């Protein structure tokens, strides 16, 4: 387990590189701030992708049924285990912390 800070100029390339390793993952998205407490936006749903658009300054986490946008993100920390991202924390322009946890979905045996 290694926590790394990714510098903003590298975000777009980082998520482009990570796209293949994120395929098939499930995600939980939590938003935390003093004003709102801790809110679960999505709970272990299929992850469709994570990207950063430097022109609009938006980081998008797309899961089944939700496009979670972080506008004017300030910082990005990722937790990497065995070469794969297991979670990330983004602080948005509003000061809210957006925490995305990733895991492989449960593989049930065939019937």
N, C-alpha and C. Protein backbone atom coordinates (compact mmCIF):
# COMPACT_ATOMS: atom_id res chain seq x y z
N UNK A 1 0.85 -1.17 0.00
CA UNK A 1 0.00 0.00 0.00
C UNK A 1 0.89 1.23 0.00
N UNK A 2 0.75 2.08 -1.03
CA UNK A 2 1.54 3.30 -1.14
C UNK A 2 0.63 4.45 -1.54
N UNK A 3 0.66 5.52 -0.77
CA UNK A 3 -0.14 6.70 -1.09
C UNK A 3 0.76 7.67 -1.84
N UNK A 4 0.28 8.07 -3.01
CA UNK A 4 1.05 8.98 -3.86
C UNK A 4 0.23 10.21 -4.18
N UNK A 5 0.91 11.35 -4.18
CA UNK A 5 0.27 12.58 -4.66
C UNK A 5 0.56 12.68 -6.14
N UNK A 6 -0.46 12.91 -6.94
CA UNK A 6 -0.30 13.08 -8.37
C UNK A 6 -0.43 14.59 -8.65
N UNK A 7 0.55 15.15 -9.32
CA UNK A 7 0.52 16.58 -9.64
C UNK A 7 -0.51 16.84 -10.75
N UNK A 8 -1.21 17.96 -10.63
CA UNK A 8 -2.31 18.28 -11.54
C UNK A 8 -1.96 18.20 -13.02
N UNK A 9 -0.78 18.67 -13.46
CA UNK A 9 -0.47 18.56 -14.90
C UNK A 9 -0.42 17.10 -15.40
N UNK A 10 -0.30 16.14 -14.48
CA UNK A 10 -0.19 14.72 -14.84
C UNK A 10 -1.51 13.95 -14.75
N UNK A 11 -2.57 14.58 -14.28
CA UNK A 11 -3.82 13.86 -14.03
C UNK A 11 -4.40 13.21 -15.28
N UNK A 12 -4.49 13.95 -16.37
CA UNK A 12 -5.10 13.40 -17.58
C UNK A 12 -4.34 12.18 -18.06
N UNK A 13 -3.02 12.26 -18.14
CA UNK A 13 -2.21 11.13 -18.59
C UNK A 13 -2.30 9.97 -17.61
N UNK A 14 -2.35 10.26 -16.31
CA UNK A 14 -2.43 9.20 -15.30
C UNK A 14 -3.70 8.38 -15.49
N UNK A 15 -4.84 9.05 -15.61
CA UNK A 15 -6.09 8.30 -15.75
C UNK A 15 -6.20 7.61 -17.11
N UNK A 16 -5.60 8.19 -18.14
CA UNK A 16 -5.54 7.51 -19.44
C UNK A 16 -4.77 6.19 -19.30
N UNK A 17 -3.63 6.23 -18.58
CA UNK A 17 -2.83 5.02 -18.36
C UNK A 17 -3.56 3.99 -17.50
N UNK A 18 -4.33 4.46 -16.52
CA UNK A 18 -4.99 3.56 -15.56
C UNK A 18 -6.28 2.95 -16.12
N UNK A 19 -6.76 3.43 -17.25
CA UNK A 19 -8.06 3.00 -17.78
C UNK A 19 -8.20 1.48 -17.85
N UNK A 20 -7.20 0.80 -18.38
CA UNK A 20 -7.27 -0.67 -18.53
C UNK A 20 -7.32 -1.37 -17.18
N UNK A 21 -6.54 -0.88 -16.21
CA UNK A 21 -6.49 -1.54 -14.90
C UNK A 21 -7.77 -1.31 -14.10
N UNK A 22 -8.57 -0.29 -14.46
CA UNK A 22 -9.80 0.01 -13.74
C UNK A 22 -11.01 -0.75 -14.30
N UNK A 23 -10.85 -1.36 -15.47
CA UNK A 23 -11.96 -2.10 -16.08
C UNK A 23 -12.44 -3.21 -15.16
N UNK A 24 -13.76 -3.31 -15.00
CA UNK A 24 -14.34 -4.38 -14.20
C UNK A 24 -14.38 -4.10 -12.71
N UNK A 25 -13.88 -2.97 -12.26
CA UNK A 25 -13.88 -2.65 -10.83
C UNK A 25 -15.26 -2.16 -10.40
N UNK A 26 -15.52 -2.28 -9.10
CA UNK A 26 -16.68 -1.67 -8.47
C UNK A 26 -16.18 -0.49 -7.65
N UNK A 27 -17.04 0.53 -7.48
CA UNK A 27 -16.60 1.73 -6.78
C UNK A 27 -17.63 2.16 -5.74
N UNK A 28 -17.10 2.76 -4.68
CA UNK A 28 -17.92 3.46 -3.70
C UNK A 28 -17.42 4.89 -3.71
N UNK A 29 -18.34 5.86 -3.74
CA UNK A 29 -17.98 7.27 -3.76
C UNK A 29 -18.56 7.94 -2.52
N UNK A 30 -17.68 8.52 -1.71
CA UNK A 30 -18.08 9.25 -0.51
C UNK A 30 -17.67 10.71 -0.68
N UNK A 31 -18.52 11.61 -0.18
CA UNK A 31 -18.21 13.03 -0.18
C UNK A 31 -18.25 13.50 1.27
N UNK A 32 -17.19 14.20 1.69
CA UNK A 32 -17.09 14.64 3.08
C UNK A 32 -16.78 16.13 3.15
N UNK A 33 -17.50 16.82 4.05
CA UNK A 33 -17.25 18.24 4.32
C UNK A 33 -17.93 18.59 5.63
N UNK A 34 -17.43 19.61 6.31
CA UNK A 34 -18.02 20.02 7.58
C UNK A 34 -19.50 20.38 7.41
N UNK A 35 -19.83 21.05 6.29
CA UNK A 35 -21.21 21.51 6.08
C UNK A 35 -22.21 20.37 5.88
N UNK A 36 -21.73 19.26 5.32
CA UNK A 36 -22.67 18.18 4.96
C UNK A 36 -22.41 16.88 5.70
N UNK A 37 -21.29 16.80 6.41
CA UNK A 37 -20.93 15.53 7.04
C UNK A 37 -20.35 14.60 6.00
N UNK A 38 -20.71 13.32 6.11
CA UNK A 38 -20.22 12.32 5.16
C UNK A 38 -21.40 11.73 4.41
N UNK A 39 -21.38 11.83 3.10
CA UNK A 39 -22.46 11.31 2.26
C UNK A 39 -21.94 10.22 1.33
N UNK A 40 -22.67 9.13 1.23
CA UNK A 40 -22.32 8.08 0.26
C UNK A 40 -23.10 8.39 -1.02
N UNK A 41 -22.37 8.72 -2.08
CA UNK A 41 -22.99 9.03 -3.37
C UNK A 41 -23.31 7.76 -4.16
N UNK A 42 -22.45 6.77 -4.05
CA UNK A 42 -22.64 5.49 -4.75
C UNK A 42 -21.99 4.41 -3.91
N UNK A 43 -22.66 3.26 -3.83
CA UNK A 43 -22.16 2.18 -2.99
C UNK A 43 -21.94 0.91 -3.80
N UNK A 44 -20.67 0.64 -4.10
CA UNK A 44 -20.21 -0.57 -4.79
C UNK A 44 -21.01 -0.87 -6.05
N UNK A 45 -20.92 0.08 -6.97
CA UNK A 45 -21.55 -0.07 -8.29
C UNK A 45 -20.44 -0.19 -9.34
N UNK A 46 -20.75 -0.75 -10.51
CA UNK A 46 -19.72 -0.89 -11.54
C UNK A 46 -19.12 0.46 -11.96
N UNK A 47 -17.80 0.51 -11.97
CA UNK A 47 -17.08 1.70 -12.41
C UNK A 47 -16.99 1.68 -13.93
N UNK A 48 -17.36 2.78 -14.56
CA UNK A 48 -17.29 2.87 -16.01
C UNK A 48 -16.06 3.65 -16.46
N UNK A 49 -15.52 4.51 -15.59
CA UNK A 49 -14.31 5.23 -15.95
C UNK A 49 -14.04 6.42 -15.05
N UNK A 50 -12.78 6.86 -15.07
CA UNK A 50 -12.35 8.06 -14.36
C UNK A 50 -11.52 8.86 -15.36
N UNK A 51 -11.81 10.16 -15.46
CA UNK A 51 -11.04 10.99 -16.38
C UNK A 51 -10.92 12.41 -15.84
N UNK A 52 -9.93 13.11 -16.36
CA UNK A 52 -9.75 14.52 -16.00
C UNK A 52 -9.71 15.34 -17.28
N UNK A 53 -10.54 16.39 -17.32
CA UNK A 53 -10.58 17.31 -18.45
C UNK A 53 -9.93 18.62 -18.03
N UNK A 54 -8.68 18.87 -18.48
CA UNK A 54 -7.98 20.08 -18.05
C UNK A 54 -8.60 21.37 -18.60
N UNK A 55 -9.33 21.30 -19.70
CA UNK A 55 -9.91 22.50 -20.30
C UNK A 55 -11.08 23.01 -19.46
N UNK A 56 -11.93 22.11 -18.98
CA UNK A 56 -13.05 22.50 -18.12
C UNK A 56 -12.70 22.38 -16.64
N UNK A 57 -11.49 21.86 -16.33
CA UNK A 57 -11.01 21.65 -14.97
C UNK A 57 -12.02 20.84 -14.15
N UNK A 58 -12.36 19.66 -14.70
CA UNK A 58 -13.33 18.75 -14.06
C UNK A 58 -12.76 17.34 -14.04
N UNK A 59 -12.82 16.71 -12.88
CA UNK A 59 -12.48 15.31 -12.75
C UNK A 59 -13.80 14.54 -12.67
N UNK A 60 -13.98 13.57 -13.55
CA UNK A 60 -15.23 12.81 -13.62
C UNK A 60 -15.00 11.37 -13.21
N UNK A 61 -15.85 10.90 -12.31
CA UNK A 61 -15.88 9.49 -11.93
C UNK A 61 -17.25 8.98 -12.38
N UNK A 62 -17.23 8.12 -13.38
CA UNK A 62 -18.49 7.64 -13.96
C UNK A 62 -18.72 6.20 -13.50
N UNK A 63 -19.84 6.02 -12.81
CA UNK A 63 -20.25 4.69 -12.37
C UNK A 63 -21.64 4.44 -12.93
N UNK A 64 -22.07 3.20 -12.84
CA UNK A 64 -23.40 2.86 -13.34
C UNK A 64 -24.44 3.71 -12.62
N UNK A 65 -25.18 4.52 -13.39
CA UNK A 65 -26.26 5.33 -12.83
C UNK A 65 -25.85 6.69 -12.30
N UNK A 66 -24.56 7.08 -12.39
CA UNK A 66 -24.13 8.36 -11.82
C UNK A 66 -22.86 8.86 -12.50
N UNK A 67 -22.88 10.13 -12.89
CA UNK A 67 -21.67 10.83 -13.33
C UNK A 67 -21.30 11.77 -12.20
N UNK A 68 -20.27 11.42 -11.45
CA UNK A 68 -19.84 12.22 -10.29
C UNK A 68 -18.74 13.17 -10.74
N UNK A 69 -19.02 14.48 -10.69
CA UNK A 69 -18.08 15.49 -11.18
C UNK A 69 -17.47 16.25 -10.00
N UNK A 70 -16.16 16.42 -10.06
CA UNK A 70 -15.46 17.25 -9.08
C UNK A 70 -14.94 18.46 -9.86
N UNK A 71 -15.52 19.62 -9.58
CA UNK A 71 -15.16 20.84 -10.30
C UNK A 71 -13.99 21.55 -9.62
N UNK A 72 -13.10 22.07 -10.42
CA UNK A 72 -11.91 22.78 -9.96
C UNK A 72 -11.16 21.99 -8.87
N UNK A 73 -10.82 20.73 -9.18
CA UNK A 73 -10.12 19.92 -8.17
C UNK A 73 -8.77 20.55 -7.82
N UNK A 74 -8.42 20.47 -6.53
CA UNK A 74 -7.21 21.10 -6.03
C UNK A 74 -6.06 20.11 -5.82
N UNK A 75 -6.39 18.91 -5.33
CA UNK A 75 -5.34 17.92 -5.05
C UNK A 75 -5.88 16.52 -5.29
N UNK A 76 -4.95 15.61 -5.59
CA UNK A 76 -5.30 14.23 -5.87
C UNK A 76 -4.26 13.32 -5.21
N UNK A 77 -4.74 12.43 -4.36
CA UNK A 77 -3.91 11.40 -3.76
C UNK A 77 -4.49 10.06 -4.14
N UNK A 78 -3.64 9.12 -4.53
CA UNK A 78 -4.10 7.77 -4.87
C UNK A 78 -3.38 6.76 -3.98
N UNK A 79 -4.09 5.71 -3.64
CA UNK A 79 -3.54 4.60 -2.86
C UNK A 79 -3.38 3.44 -3.82
N UNK A 80 -2.14 2.98 -3.98
CA UNK A 80 -1.83 1.93 -4.94
C UNK A 80 -1.40 0.67 -4.20
N UNK A 81 -2.04 -0.45 -4.56
CA UNK A 81 -1.69 -1.77 -4.01
C UNK A 81 -1.40 -2.70 -5.17
N UNK A 82 -0.24 -3.33 -5.14
CA UNK A 82 0.17 -4.28 -6.18
C UNK A 82 0.03 -3.68 -7.58
N UNK A 83 0.40 -2.41 -7.71
CA UNK A 83 0.38 -1.76 -9.01
C UNK A 83 -0.97 -1.28 -9.48
N UNK A 84 -2.01 -1.45 -8.65
CA UNK A 84 -3.35 -1.02 -9.04
C UNK A 84 -3.90 -0.03 -8.03
N UNK A 85 -4.62 0.97 -8.53
CA UNK A 85 -5.22 1.97 -7.65
C UNK A 85 -6.34 1.32 -6.85
N UNK A 86 -6.28 1.45 -5.52
CA UNK A 86 -7.34 0.89 -4.67
C UNK A 86 -8.27 1.97 -4.13
N UNK A 87 -7.80 3.21 -4.09
CA UNK A 87 -8.65 4.32 -3.69
C UNK A 87 -7.98 5.62 -4.11
N UNK A 88 -8.79 6.69 -4.09
CA UNK A 88 -8.24 8.02 -4.36
C UNK A 88 -9.03 9.04 -3.58
N UNK A 89 -8.38 10.15 -3.30
CA UNK A 89 -9.04 11.27 -2.63
C UNK A 89 -8.76 12.52 -3.42
N UNK A 90 -9.83 13.24 -3.75
CA UNK A 90 -9.73 14.49 -4.51
C UNK A 90 -10.39 15.58 -3.67
N UNK A 91 -9.72 16.72 -3.54
CA UNK A 91 -10.32 17.86 -2.88
C UNK A 91 -10.76 18.82 -3.97
N UNK A 92 -12.06 19.12 -3.98
CA UNK A 92 -12.62 20.00 -4.99
C UNK A 92 -12.42 21.47 -4.65
N UNK A 93 -12.75 22.34 -5.59
CA UNK A 93 -12.63 23.78 -5.40
C UNK A 93 -13.47 24.30 -4.25
N UNK A 94 -14.51 23.55 -3.88
CA UNK A 94 -15.38 23.94 -2.77
C UNK A 94 -14.86 23.43 -1.42
N UNK A 95 -13.72 22.73 -1.44
CA UNK A 95 -13.15 22.20 -0.21
C UNK A 95 -13.67 20.83 0.18
N UNK A 96 -14.66 20.31 -0.55
CA UNK A 96 -15.21 18.99 -0.24
C UNK A 96 -14.19 17.91 -0.62
N UNK A 97 -14.11 16.87 0.20
CA UNK A 97 -13.25 15.71 -0.08
C UNK A 97 -14.09 14.64 -0.76
N UNK A 98 -13.63 14.17 -1.90
CA UNK A 98 -14.30 13.13 -2.66
C UNK A 98 -13.42 11.89 -2.57
N UNK A 99 -13.94 10.85 -1.95
CA UNK A 99 -13.16 9.63 -1.74
C UNK A 99 -13.79 8.51 -2.58
N UNK A 100 -12.96 7.93 -3.44
CA UNK A 100 -13.42 6.84 -4.30
C UNK A 100 -12.64 5.60 -3.91
N UNK A 101 -13.38 4.57 -3.46
CA UNK A 101 -12.76 3.29 -3.11
C UNK A 101 -13.08 2.30 -4.23
N UNK A 102 -12.09 1.48 -4.57
CA UNK A 102 -12.26 0.53 -5.66
C UNK A 102 -12.01 -0.89 -5.16
N UNK A 103 -12.71 -1.82 -5.76
CA UNK A 103 -12.45 -3.24 -5.48
C UNK A 103 -12.93 -4.06 -6.65
N UNK A 104 -12.44 -5.29 -6.70
CA UNK A 104 -12.93 -6.22 -7.71
C UNK A 104 -14.28 -6.73 -7.24
N UNK A 105 -15.25 -6.86 -8.15
CA UNK A 105 -16.56 -7.40 -7.74
C UNK A 105 -16.44 -8.85 -7.30
N UNK A 106 -17.37 -9.26 -6.46
CA UNK A 106 -17.40 -10.65 -6.02
C UNK A 106 -17.66 -11.56 -7.21
N UNK A 107 -16.89 -12.58 -7.31
CA UNK A 107 -17.09 -13.58 -8.38
C UNK A 107 -17.85 -14.75 -7.78
N UNK A 108 -19.09 -14.89 -8.16
CA UNK A 108 -19.90 -15.99 -7.66
C UNK A 108 -19.72 -17.20 -8.55
N UNK A 109 -19.68 -18.38 -7.96
CA UNK A 109 -19.54 -19.59 -8.78
C UNK A 109 -20.78 -19.78 -9.66
N UNK A 110 -20.60 -20.34 -10.84
CA UNK A 110 -21.77 -20.59 -11.71
C UNK A 110 -22.67 -21.66 -11.09
N UNK A 111 -23.95 -21.57 -11.40
CA UNK A 111 -24.92 -22.56 -10.87
C UNK A 111 -25.00 -23.77 -11.75
